[in-house]
Amino acid sequence: MRCTVMSVYILLSKLTTEGRKTIKERPGRIKEVAVEFESLGVKVLEQYATLGPYDFLTVIEAPDNETVSELSVDLCSRGTIEIMTLAAIPVDSYVSALRSTKKAK
């Protein structure tokens, strides 16, 4: 059995004018996007509507950067949303990597 390690990413999304029209007419569209994510091999862990410069914060798991890039290009090409993607590193992994780097010197 093959075990795939999934990485965590944070998507900060801004609706375009067209995107705002879409969700005003069809608020359920917001949840439909999670189903689209899953069809591309991406699991939505958390999703929040936010106030401020971004409209949504979505936490996902994906197998690799290429999958997340494909997802972002697909969604952004529709003209309804702009996405900033951040790779998220668990703090324990980050601390461990820093310790390993320090020992190597």
PDB file of N, CA and C in Angstrom:
ATOM      1  N   MET A   1       0.840  -1.183   0.000  1.00  0.00           N
ATOM      2  CA  MET A   1       0.000   0.000   0.000  1.00  0.00           C
ATOM      3  C   MET A   1       0.884   1.245   0.000  1.00  0.00           C
ATOM      4  N   ARG A   2       0.596   2.162  -0.879  1.00  0.00           N
ATOM      5  CA  ARG A   2       1.381   3.385  -1.018  1.00  0.00           C
ATOM      6  C   ARG A   2       0.843   4.479  -0.112  1.00  0.00           C
ATOM      7  N   CYS A   3       1.721   5.110   0.639  1.00  0.00           N
ATOM      8  CA  CYS A   3       1.332   6.198   1.529  1.00  0.00           C
ATOM      9  C   CYS A   3       1.765   7.522   0.902  1.00  0.00           C
ATOM     10  N   THR A   4       0.820   8.417   0.716  1.00  0.00           N
ATOM     11  CA  THR A   4       1.128   9.717   0.137  1.00  0.00           C
ATOM     12  C   THR A   4       1.090  10.769   1.235  1.00  0.00           C
ATOM     13  N   VAL A   5       2.176  11.526   1.342  1.00  0.00           N
ATOM     14  CA  VAL A   5       2.218  12.616   2.309  1.00  0.00           C
ATOM     15  C   VAL A   5       1.574  13.832   1.662  1.00  0.00           C
ATOM     16  N   MET A   6       0.617  14.394   2.358  1.00  0.00           N
ATOM     17  CA  MET A   6      -0.070  15.566   1.839  1.00  0.00           C
ATOM     18  C   MET A   6       0.510  16.809   2.507  1.00  0.00           C
ATOM     19  N   SER A   7       0.669  17.852   1.733  1.00  0.00           N
ATOM     20  CA  SER A   7       1.150  19.124   2.258  1.00  0.00           C
ATOM     21  C   SER A   7      -0.039  20.053   2.493  1.00  0.00           C
ATOM     22  N   VAL A   8       0.154  20.996   3.397  1.00  0.00           N
ATOM     23  CA  VAL A   8      -0.901  21.947   3.727  1.00  0.00           C
ATOM     24  C   VAL A   8      -0.594  23.286   3.058  1.00  0.00           C
ATOM     25  N   TYR A   9      -1.632  23.903   2.532  1.00  0.00           N
ATOM     26  CA  TYR A   9      -1.525  25.198   1.872  1.00  0.00           C
ATOM     27  C   TYR A   9      -2.643  26.095   2.383  1.00  0.00           C
ATOM     28  N   ILE A  10      -2.374  27.396   2.394  1.00  0.00           N
ATOM     29  CA  ILE A  10      -3.379  28.393   2.753  1.00  0.00           C
ATOM     30  C   ILE A  10      -3.651  29.222   1.504  1.00  0.00           C
ATOM     31  N   LEU A  11      -4.902  29.331   1.141  1.00  0.00           N
ATOM     32  CA  LEU A  11      -5.306  30.140  -0.011  1.00  0.00           C
ATOM     33  C   LEU A  11      -6.012  31.385   0.502  1.00  0.00           C
ATOM     34  N   LEU A  12      -5.496  32.532   0.136  1.00  0.00           N
ATOM     35  CA  LEU A  12      -6.144  33.808   0.443  1.00  0.00           C
ATOM     36  C   LEU A  12      -6.794  34.274  -0.851  1.00  0.00           C
ATOM     37  N   SER A  13      -8.106  34.412  -0.836  1.00  0.00           N
ATOM     38  CA  SER A  13      -8.845  34.674  -2.070  1.00  0.00           C
ATOM     39  C   SER A  13      -9.579  36.007  -2.029  1.00  0.00           C
ATOM     40  N   LYS A  14      -9.556  36.692  -3.172  1.00  0.00           N
ATOM     41  CA  LYS A  14     -10.302  37.937  -3.368  1.00  0.00           C
ATOM     42  C   LYS A  14     -11.273  37.725  -4.517  1.00  0.00           C
ATOM     43  N   LEU A  15     -12.508  38.081  -4.290  1.00  0.00           N
ATOM     44  CA  LEU A  15     -13.494  38.013  -5.370  1.00  0.00           C
ATOM     45  C   LEU A  15     -13.310  39.191  -6.317  1.00  0.00           C
ATOM     46  N   THR A  16     -13.504  38.940  -7.588  1.00  0.00           N
ATOM     47  CA  THR A  16     -13.538  40.025  -8.567  1.00  0.00           C
ATOM     48  C   THR A  16     -14.968  40.561  -8.600  1.00  0.00           C
ATOM     49  N   THR A  17     -15.204  41.587  -9.377  1.00  0.00           N
ATOM     50  CA  THR A  17     -16.561  42.116  -9.523  1.00  0.00           C
ATOM     51  C   THR A  17     -17.503  41.015  -9.991  1.00  0.00           C
ATOM     52  N   GLU A  18     -17.046  40.237 -10.955  1.00  0.00           N
ATOM     53  CA  GLU A  18     -17.867  39.128 -11.475  1.00  0.00           C
ATOM     54  C   GLU A  18     -18.115  38.078 -10.386  1.00  0.00           C
ATOM     55  N   GLY A  19     -17.107  37.802  -9.577  1.00  0.00           N
ATOM     56  CA  GLY A  19     -17.253  36.839  -8.489  1.00  0.00           C
ATOM     57  C   GLY A  19     -18.259  37.297  -7.442  1.00  0.00           C
ATOM     58  N   ARG A  20     -18.245  38.583  -7.126  1.00  0.00           N
ATOM     59  CA  ARG A  20     -19.211  39.112  -6.162  1.00  0.00           C
ATOM     60  C   ARG A  20     -20.641  38.980  -6.703  1.00  0.00           C
ATOM     61  N   LYS A  21     -20.812  39.226  -8.003  1.00  0.00           N
ATOM     62  CA  LYS A  21     -22.132  39.062  -8.615  1.00  0.00           C
ATOM     63  C   LYS A  21     -22.586  37.605  -8.507  1.00  0.00           C
ATOM     64  N   THR A  22     -21.655  36.696  -8.781  1.00  0.00           N
ATOM     65  CA  THR A  22     -21.980  35.263  -8.758  1.00  0.00           C
ATOM     66  C   THR A  22     -22.450  34.821  -7.382  1.00  0.00           C
ATOM     67  N   ILE A  23     -21.710  35.180  -6.325  1.00  0.00           N
ATOM     68  CA  ILE A  23     -22.131  34.690  -5.004  1.00  0.00           C
ATOM     69  C   ILE A  23     -23.348  35.433  -4.461  1.00  0.00           C
ATOM     70  N   LYS A  24     -23.573  36.637  -4.935  1.00  0.00           N
ATOM     71  CA  LYS A  24     -24.801  37.331  -4.524  1.00  0.00           C
ATOM     72  C   LYS A  24     -26.012  36.604  -5.109  1.00  0.00           C
ATOM     73  N   GLU A  25     -25.896  36.183  -6.368  1.00  0.00           N
ATOM     74  CA  GLU A  25     -26.992  35.468  -7.039  1.00  0.00           C
ATOM     75  C   GLU A  25     -27.090  34.017  -6.578  1.00  0.00           C
ATOM     76  N   ARG A  26     -25.929  33.404  -6.268  1.00  0.00           N
ATOM     77  CA  ARG A  26     -25.888  31.983  -5.899  1.00  0.00           C
ATOM     78  C   ARG A  26     -24.935  31.767  -4.719  1.00  0.00           C
ATOM     79  N   PRO A  27     -25.341  32.093  -3.506  1.00  0.00           N
ATOM     80  CA  PRO A  27     -24.454  31.955  -2.345  1.00  0.00           C
ATOM     81  C   PRO A  27     -23.926  30.526  -2.162  1.00  0.00           C
ATOM     82  N   GLY A  28     -24.699  29.543  -2.561  1.00  0.00           N
ATOM     83  CA  GLY A  28     -24.280  28.146  -2.450  1.00  0.00           C
ATOM     84  C   GLY A  28     -23.065  27.825  -3.287  1.00  0.00           C
ATOM     85  N   ARG A  29     -22.732  28.693  -4.220  1.00  0.00           N
ATOM     86  CA  ARG A  29     -21.559  28.489  -5.089  1.00  0.00           C
ATOM     87  C   ARG A  29     -20.285  28.381  -4.262  1.00  0.00           C
ATOM     88  N   ILE A  30     -20.245  29.070  -3.129  1.00  0.00           N
ATOM     89  CA  ILE A  30     -19.061  29.047  -2.269  1.00  0.00           C
ATOM     90  C   ILE A  30     -18.747  27.611  -1.855  1.00  0.00           C
ATOM     91  N   LYS A  31     -19.749  26.853  -1.451  1.00  0.00           N
ATOM     92  CA  LYS A  31     -19.538  25.469  -1.025  1.00  0.00           C
ATOM     93  C   LYS A  31     -19.272  24.539  -2.208  1.00  0.00           C
ATOM     94  N   GLU A  32     -19.800  24.864  -3.371  1.00  0.00           N
ATOM     95  CA  GLU A  32     -19.571  24.037  -4.564  1.00  0.00           C
ATOM     96  C   GLU A  32     -18.094  23.992  -4.938  1.00  0.00           C
ATOM     97  N   VAL A  33     -17.376  25.055  -4.649  1.00  0.00           N
ATOM     98  CA  VAL A  33     -15.951  25.119  -4.999  1.00  0.00           C
ATOM     99  C   VAL A  33     -15.175  24.021  -4.281  1.00  0.00           C
ATOM    100  N   ALA A  34     -15.557  23.694  -3.041  1.00  0.00           N
ATOM    101  CA  ALA A  34     -14.872  22.632  -2.296  1.00  0.00           C
ATOM    102  C   ALA A  34     -14.987  21.296  -3.024  1.00  0.00           C
ATOM    103  N   VAL A  35     -16.127  21.037  -3.651  1.00  0.00           N
ATOM    104  CA  VAL A  35     -16.315  19.808  -4.419  1.00  0.00           C
ATOM    105  C   VAL A  35     -15.368  19.800  -5.622  1.00  0.00           C
ATOM    106  N   GLU A  36     -15.196  20.949  -6.269  1.00  0.00           N
ATOM    107  CA  GLU A  36     -14.266  21.056  -7.391  1.00  0.00           C
ATOM    108  C   GLU A  36     -12.831  20.788  -6.936  1.00  0.00           C
ATOM    109  N   PHE A  37     -12.472  21.301  -5.762  1.00  0.00           N
ATOM    110  CA  PHE A  37     -11.140  21.058  -5.219  1.00  0.00           C
ATOM    111  C   PHE A  37     -10.897  19.556  -5.118  1.00  0.00           C
ATOM    112  N   GLU A  38     -11.871  18.841  -4.556  1.00  0.00           N
ATOM    113  CA  GLU A  38     -11.723  17.400  -4.338  1.00  0.00           C
ATOM    114  C   GLU A  38     -11.563  16.646  -5.650  1.00  0.00           C
ATOM    115  N   SER A  39     -12.222  17.125  -6.708  1.00  0.00           N
ATOM    116  CA  SER A  39     -12.102  16.453  -8.007  1.00  0.00           C
ATOM    117  C   SER A  39     -10.684  16.577  -8.571  1.00  0.00           C
ATOM    118  N   LEU A  40      -9.919  17.560  -8.071  1.00  0.00           N
ATOM    119  CA  LEU A  40      -8.531  17.744  -8.495  1.00  0.00           C
ATOM    120  C   LEU A  40      -7.538  17.122  -7.499  1.00  0.00           C
ATOM    121  N   GLY A  41      -8.047  16.357  -6.524  1.00  0.00           N
ATOM    122  CA  GLY A  41      -7.170  15.701  -5.565  1.00  0.00           C
ATOM    123  C   GLY A  41      -6.761  16.567  -4.394  1.00  0.00           C
ATOM    124  N   VAL A  42      -7.530  17.621  -4.125  1.00  0.00           N
ATOM    125  CA  VAL A  42      -7.236  18.558  -3.046  1.00  0.00           C
ATOM    126  C   VAL A  42      -8.351  18.456  -2.012  1.00  0.00           C
ATOM    127  N   LYS A  43      -7.974  18.363  -0.740  1.00  0.00           N
ATOM    128  CA  LYS A  43      -8.961  18.268   0.338  1.00  0.00           C
ATOM    129  C   LYS A  43      -9.061  19.605   1.064  1.00  0.00           C
ATOM    130  N   VAL A  44     -10.274  20.114   1.205  1.00  0.00           N
ATOM    131  CA  VAL A  44     -10.500  21.345   1.955  1.00  0.00           C
ATOM    132  C   VAL A  44     -10.583  20.976   3.436  1.00  0.00           C
ATOM    133  N   LEU A  45      -9.670  21.529   4.244  1.00  0.00           N
ATOM    134  CA  LEU A  45      -9.669  21.288   5.684  1.00  0.00           C
ATOM    135  C   LEU A  45     -10.532  22.308   6.420  1.00  0.00           C
ATOM    136  N   GLU A  46     -10.411  23.572   6.031  1.00  0.00           N
ATOM    137  CA  GLU A  46     -11.162  24.665   6.661  1.00  0.00           C
ATOM    138  C   GLU A  46     -11.416  25.740   5.609  1.00  0.00           C
ATOM    139  N   GLN A  47     -12.527  26.422   5.771  1.00  0.00           N
ATOM    140  CA  GLN A  47     -12.804  27.556   4.882  1.00  0.00           C
ATOM    141  C   GLN A  47     -13.521  28.636   5.690  1.00  0.00           C
ATOM    142  N   TYR A  48     -13.033  29.858   5.549  1.00  0.00           N
ATOM    143  CA  TYR A  48     -13.596  30.984   6.278  1.00  0.00           C
ATOM    144  C   TYR A  48     -13.849  32.148   5.334  1.00  0.00           C
ATOM    145  N   ALA A  49     -14.963  32.838   5.552  1.00  0.00           N
ATOM    146  CA  ALA A  49     -15.178  34.141   4.920  1.00  0.00           C
ATOM    147  C   ALA A  49     -14.491  35.139   5.840  1.00  0.00           C
ATOM    148  N   THR A  50     -13.796  36.112   5.267  1.00  0.00           N
ATOM    149  CA  THR A  50     -13.036  37.050   6.083  1.00  0.00           C
ATOM    150  C   THR A  50     -13.401  38.494   5.738  1.00  0.00           C
ATOM    151  N   LEU A  51     -13.101  39.364   6.669  1.00  0.00           N
ATOM    152  CA  LEU A  51     -13.255  40.801   6.453  1.00  0.00           C
ATOM    153  C   LEU A  51     -11.859  41.365   6.247  1.00  0.00           C
ATOM    154  N   GLY A  52     -11.714  42.345   5.420  1.00  0.00           N
ATOM    155  CA  GLY A  52     -10.398  42.915   5.161  1.00  0.00           C
ATOM    156  C   GLY A  52     -10.024  42.768   3.695  1.00  0.00           C
ATOM    157  N   PRO A  53      -8.729  42.706   3.400  1.00  0.00           N
ATOM    158  CA  PRO A  53      -8.298  42.701   2.003  1.00  0.00           C
ATOM    159  C   PRO A  53      -8.616  41.408   1.252  1.00  0.00           C
ATOM    160  N   TYR A  54      -8.897  40.326   1.971  1.00  0.00           N
ATOM    161  CA  TYR A  54      -9.249  39.055   1.327  1.00  0.00           C
ATOM    162  C   TYR A  54     -10.665  38.676   1.732  1.00  0.00           C
ATOM    163  N   ASP A  55     -11.361  37.991   0.826  1.00  0.00           N
ATOM    164  CA  ASP A  55     -12.736  37.580   1.082  1.00  0.00           C
ATOM    165  C   ASP A  55     -12.837  36.202   1.724  1.00  0.00           C
ATOM    166  N   PHE A  56     -11.854  35.337   1.430  1.00  0.00           N
ATOM    167  CA  PHE A  56     -11.878  33.975   1.959  1.00  0.00           C
ATOM    168  C   PHE A  56     -10.476  33.522   2.331  1.00  0.00           C
ATOM    169  N   LEU A  57     -10.414  32.686   3.370  1.00  0.00           N
ATOM    170  CA  LEU A  57      -9.202  31.972   3.749  1.00  0.00           C
ATOM    171  C   LEU A  57      -9.567  30.498   3.712  1.00  0.00           C
ATOM    172  N   THR A  58      -8.833  29.732   2.921  1.00  0.00           N
ATOM    173  CA  THR A  58      -9.107  28.314   2.787  1.00  0.00           C
ATOM    174  C   THR A  58      -7.837  27.537   3.103  1.00  0.00           C
ATOM    175  N   VAL A  59      -7.960  26.547   3.962  1.00  0.00           N
ATOM    176  CA  VAL A  59      -6.837  25.675   4.303  1.00  0.00           C
ATOM    177  C   VAL A  59      -7.084  24.349   3.606  1.00  0.00           C
ATOM    178  N   ILE A  60      -6.086  23.922   2.805  1.00  0.00           N
ATOM    179  CA  ILE A  60      -6.240  22.691   2.023  1.00  0.00           C
ATOM    180  C   ILE A  60      -5.059  21.753   2.246  1.00  0.00           C
ATOM    181  N   GLU A  61      -5.270  20.497   1.884  1.00  0.00           N
ATOM    182  CA  GLU A  61      -4.201  19.510   1.779  1.00  0.00           C
ATOM    183  C   GLU A  61      -4.105  19.127   0.318  1.00  0.00           C
ATOM    184  N   ALA A  62      -2.890  19.027  -0.182  1.00  0.00           N
ATOM    185  CA  ALA A  62      -2.674  18.645  -1.577  1.00  0.00           C
ATOM    186  C   ALA A  62      -1.392  17.829  -1.662  1.00  0.00           C
ATOM    187  N   PRO A  63      -1.285  16.967  -2.669  1.00  0.00           N
ATOM    188  CA  PRO A  63      -0.107  16.114  -2.772  1.00  0.00           C
ATOM    189  C   PRO A  63       1.178  16.855  -3.154  1.00  0.00           C
ATOM    190  N   ASP A  64       1.044  17.996  -3.869  1.00  0.00           N
ATOM    191  CA  ASP A  64       2.258  18.682  -4.319  1.00  0.00           C
ATOM    192  C   ASP A  64       1.934  20.083  -4.834  1.00  0.00           C
ATOM    193  N   ASN A  65       3.004  20.847  -5.073  1.00  0.00           N
ATOM    194  CA  ASN A  65       2.859  22.221  -5.566  1.00  0.00           C
ATOM    195  C   ASN A  65       2.178  22.273  -6.928  1.00  0.00           C
ATOM    196  N   GLU A  66       2.460  21.293  -7.764  1.00  0.00           N
ATOM    197  CA  GLU A  66       1.884  21.286  -9.113  1.00  0.00           C
ATOM    198  C   GLU A  66       0.355  21.185  -9.064  1.00  0.00           C
ATOM    199  N   THR A  67      -0.147  20.361  -8.162  1.00  0.00           N
ATOM    200  CA  THR A  67      -1.601  20.215  -8.023  1.00  0.00           C
ATOM    201  C   THR A  67      -2.231  21.532  -7.581  1.00  0.00           C
ATOM    202  N   VAL A  68      -1.594  22.205  -6.625  1.00  0.00           N
ATOM    203  CA  VAL A  68      -2.110  23.481  -6.141  1.00  0.00           C
ATOM    204  C   VAL A  68      -2.029  24.540  -7.235  1.00  0.00           C
ATOM    205  N   SER A  69      -0.956  24.517  -8.016  1.00  0.00           N
ATOM    206  CA  SER A  69      -0.828  25.459  -9.135  1.00  0.00           C
ATOM    207  C   SER A  69      -1.933  25.243 -10.159  1.00  0.00           C
ATOM    208  N   GLU A  70      -2.204  23.985 -10.475  1.00  0.00           N
ATOM    209  CA  GLU A  70      -3.267  23.666 -11.428  1.00  0.00           C
ATOM    210  C   GLU A  70      -4.617  24.171 -10.914  1.00  0.00           C
ATOM    211  N   LEU A  71      -4.868  23.945  -9.642  1.00  0.00           N
ATOM    212  CA  LEU A  71      -6.104  24.403  -9.024  1.00  0.00           C
ATOM    213  C   LEU A  71      -6.229  25.926  -9.122  1.00  0.00           C
ATOM    214  N   SER A  72      -5.172  26.622  -8.771  1.00  0.00           N
ATOM    215  CA  SER A  72      -5.180  28.079  -8.775  1.00  0.00           C
ATOM    216  C   SER A  72      -5.392  28.634 -10.177  1.00  0.00           C
ATOM    217  N   VAL A  73      -4.673  28.097 -11.141  1.00  0.00           N
ATOM    218  CA  VAL A  73      -4.821  28.571 -12.526  1.00  0.00           C
ATOM    219  C   VAL A  73      -6.237  28.312 -13.019  1.00  0.00           C
ATOM    220  N   ASP A  74      -6.764  27.121 -12.717  1.00  0.00           N
ATOM    221  CA  ASP A  74      -8.118  26.783 -13.155  1.00  0.00           C
ATOM    222  C   ASP A  74      -9.144  27.766 -12.577  1.00  0.00           C
ATOM    223  N   LEU A  75      -9.078  27.986 -11.266  1.00  0.00           N
ATOM    224  CA  LEU A  75     -10.052  28.879 -10.635  1.00  0.00           C
ATOM    225  C   LEU A  75      -9.878  30.336 -11.074  1.00  0.00           C
ATOM    226  N   CYS A  76      -8.646  30.810 -11.120  1.00  0.00           N
ATOM    227  CA  CYS A  76      -8.400  32.211 -11.483  1.00  0.00           C
ATOM    228  C   CYS A  76      -8.716  32.504 -12.945  1.00  0.00           C
ATOM    229  N   SER A  77      -8.589  31.494 -13.808  1.00  0.00           N
ATOM    230  CA  SER A  77      -8.846  31.713 -15.240  1.00  0.00           C
ATOM    231  C   SER A  77     -10.312  32.010 -15.527  1.00  0.00           C
ATOM    232  N   ARG A  78     -11.177  31.758 -14.591  1.00  0.00           N
ATOM    233  CA  ARG A  78     -12.610  32.017 -14.768  1.00  0.00           C
ATOM    234  C   ARG A  78     -12.960  33.492 -14.611  1.00  0.00           C
ATOM    235  N   GLY A  79     -12.042  34.250 -13.997  1.00  0.00           N
ATOM    236  CA  GLY A  79     -12.263  35.679 -13.847  1.00  0.00           C
ATOM    237  C   GLY A  79     -13.129  36.071 -12.669  1.00  0.00           C
ATOM    238  N   THR A  80     -13.393  35.135 -11.751  1.00  0.00           N
ATOM    239  CA  THR A  80     -14.248  35.452 -10.615  1.00  0.00           C
ATOM    240  C   THR A  80     -13.482  35.569  -9.298  1.00  0.00           C
ATOM    241  N   ILE A  81     -12.219  35.180  -9.308  1.00  0.00           N
ATOM    242  CA  ILE A  81     -11.451  35.172  -8.073  1.00  0.00           C
ATOM    243  C   ILE A  81      -9.961  35.345  -8.357  1.00  0.00           C
ATOM    244  N   GLU A  82      -9.261  35.937  -7.404  1.00  0.00           N
ATOM    245  CA  GLU A  82      -7.799  36.015  -7.435  1.00  0.00           C
ATOM    246  C   GLU A  82      -7.309  35.307  -6.177  1.00  0.00           C
ATOM    247  N   ILE A  83      -6.266  34.498  -6.305  1.00  0.00           N
ATOM    248  CA  ILE A  83      -5.806  33.687  -5.174  1.00  0.00           C
ATOM    249  C   ILE A  83      -4.327  33.915  -4.903  1.00  0.00           C
ATOM    250  N   MET A  84      -3.993  34.087  -3.616  1.00  0.00           N
ATOM    251  CA  MET A  84      -2.603  34.057  -3.176  1.00  0.00           C
ATOM    252  C   MET A  84      -2.440  32.735  -2.418  1.00  0.00           C
ATOM    253  N   THR A  85      -1.457  31.946  -2.805  1.00  0.00           N
ATOM    254  CA  THR A  85      -1.241  30.644  -2.189  1.00  0.00           C
ATOM    255  C   THR A  85       0.009  30.674  -1.317  1.00  0.00           C
ATOM    256  N   LEU A  86      -0.130  30.145  -0.111  1.00  0.00           N
ATOM    257  CA  LEU A  86       0.987  30.054   0.824  1.00  0.00           C
ATOM    258  C   LEU A  86       1.172  28.594   1.219  1.00  0.00           C
ATOM    259  N   ALA A  87       2.405  28.090   1.104  1.00  0.00           N
ATOM    260  CA  ALA A  87       2.699  26.750   1.619  1.00  0.00           C
ATOM    261  C   ALA A  87       2.827  26.872   3.128  1.00  0.00           C
ATOM    262  N   ALA A  88       2.204  25.967   3.856  1.00  0.00           N
ATOM    263  CA  ALA A  88       2.224  26.013   5.321  1.00  0.00           C
ATOM    264  C   ALA A  88       3.101  24.875   5.843  1.00  0.00           C
ATOM    265  N   ILE A  89       3.977  25.207   6.780  1.00  0.00           N
ATOM    266  CA  ILE A  89       4.886  24.223   7.367  1.00  0.00           C
ATOM    267  C   ILE A  89       4.501  24.064   8.835  1.00  0.00           C
ATOM    268  N   PRO A  90       4.223  22.829   9.270  1.00  0.00           N
ATOM    269  CA  PRO A  90       3.932  22.642  10.695  1.00  0.00           C
ATOM    270  C   PRO A  90       5.099  23.170  11.539  1.00  0.00           C
ATOM    271  N   VAL A  91       4.793  23.834  12.626  1.00  0.00           N
ATOM    272  CA  VAL A  91       5.821  24.460  13.458  1.00  0.00           C
ATOM    273  C   VAL A  91       6.839  23.432  13.947  1.00  0.00           C
ATOM    274  N   ASP A  92       6.394  22.242  14.340  1.00  0.00           N
ATOM    275  CA  ASP A  92       7.339  21.215  14.803  1.00  0.00           C
ATOM    276  C   ASP A  92       8.341  20.847  13.708  1.00  0.00           C
ATOM    277  N   SER A  93       7.872  20.736  12.476  1.00  0.00           N
ATOM    278  CA  SER A  93       8.771  20.435  11.353  1.00  0.00           C
ATOM    279  C   SER A  93       9.747  21.577  11.115  1.00  0.00           C
ATOM    280  N   TYR A  94       9.252  22.784  11.237  1.00  0.00           N
ATOM    281  CA  TYR A  94      10.088  23.970  11.030  1.00  0.00           C
ATOM    282  C   TYR A  94      11.196  24.037  12.079  1.00  0.00           C
ATOM    283  N   VAL A  95      10.830  23.831  13.343  1.00  0.00           N
ATOM    284  CA  VAL A  95      11.819  23.848  14.429  1.00  0.00           C
ATOM    285  C   VAL A  95      12.840  22.736  14.227  1.00  0.00           C
ATOM    286  N   SER A  96      12.387  21.565  13.848  1.00  0.00           N
ATOM    287  CA  SER A  96      13.290  20.435  13.609  1.00  0.00           C
ATOM    288  C   SER A  96      14.281  20.753  12.482  1.00  0.00           C
ATOM    289  N   ALA A  97      13.784  21.361  11.421  1.00  0.00           N
ATOM    290  CA  ALA A  97      14.658  21.727  10.297  1.00  0.00           C
ATOM    291  C   ALA A  97      15.700  22.758  10.741  1.00  0.00           C
ATOM    292  N   LEU A  98      15.287  23.717  11.550  1.00  0.00           N
ATOM    293  CA  LEU A  98      16.227  24.721  12.047  1.00  0.00           C
ATOM    294  C   LEU A  98      17.302  24.091  12.923  1.00  0.00           C
ATOM    295  N   ARG A  99      16.896  23.130  13.740  1.00  0.00           N
ATOM    296  CA  ARG A  99      17.865  22.429  14.594  1.00  0.00           C
ATOM    297  C   ARG A  99      18.840  21.622  13.758  1.00  0.00           C
ATOM    298  N   SER A 100      18.349  20.974  12.709  1.00  0.00           N
ATOM    299  CA  SER A 100      19.199  20.180  11.824  1.00  0.00           C
ATOM    300  C   SER A 100      20.212  21.058  11.111  1.00  0.00           C
ATOM    301  N   THR A 101      19.782  22.223  10.671  1.00  0.00           N
ATOM    302  CA  THR A 101      20.671  23.172   9.994  1.00  0.00           C
ATOM    303  C   THR A 101      21.762  23.662  10.951  1.00  0.00           C
ATOM    304  N   LYS A 102      21.386  23.912  12.181  1.00  0.00           N
ATOM    305  CA  LYS A 102      22.333  24.396  13.192  1.00  0.00           C
ATOM    306  C   LYS A 102      23.391  23.326  13.487  1.00  0.00           C
ATOM    307  N   LYS A 103      22.980  22.064  13.574  1.00  0.00           N
ATOM    308  CA  LYS A 103      23.918  20.957  13.848  1.00  0.00           C
ATOM    309  C   LYS A 103      24.873  20.737  12.684  1.00  0.00           C
ATOM    310  N   ALA A 104      24.397  20.966  11.466  1.00  0.00           N
ATOM    311  CA  ALA A 104      25.220  20.739  10.278  1.00  0.00           C
ATOM    312  C   ALA A 104      26.365  21.737  10.151  1.00  0.00           C
ATOM    313  N   LYS A 105      26.263  22.873  10.809  1.00  0.00           N
ATOM    314  CA  LYS A 105      27.302  23.913  10.687  1.00  0.00           C
ATOM    315  C   LYS A 105      28.498  23.633  11.529  1.00  0.00           C
TER     316      LYS A 105
END
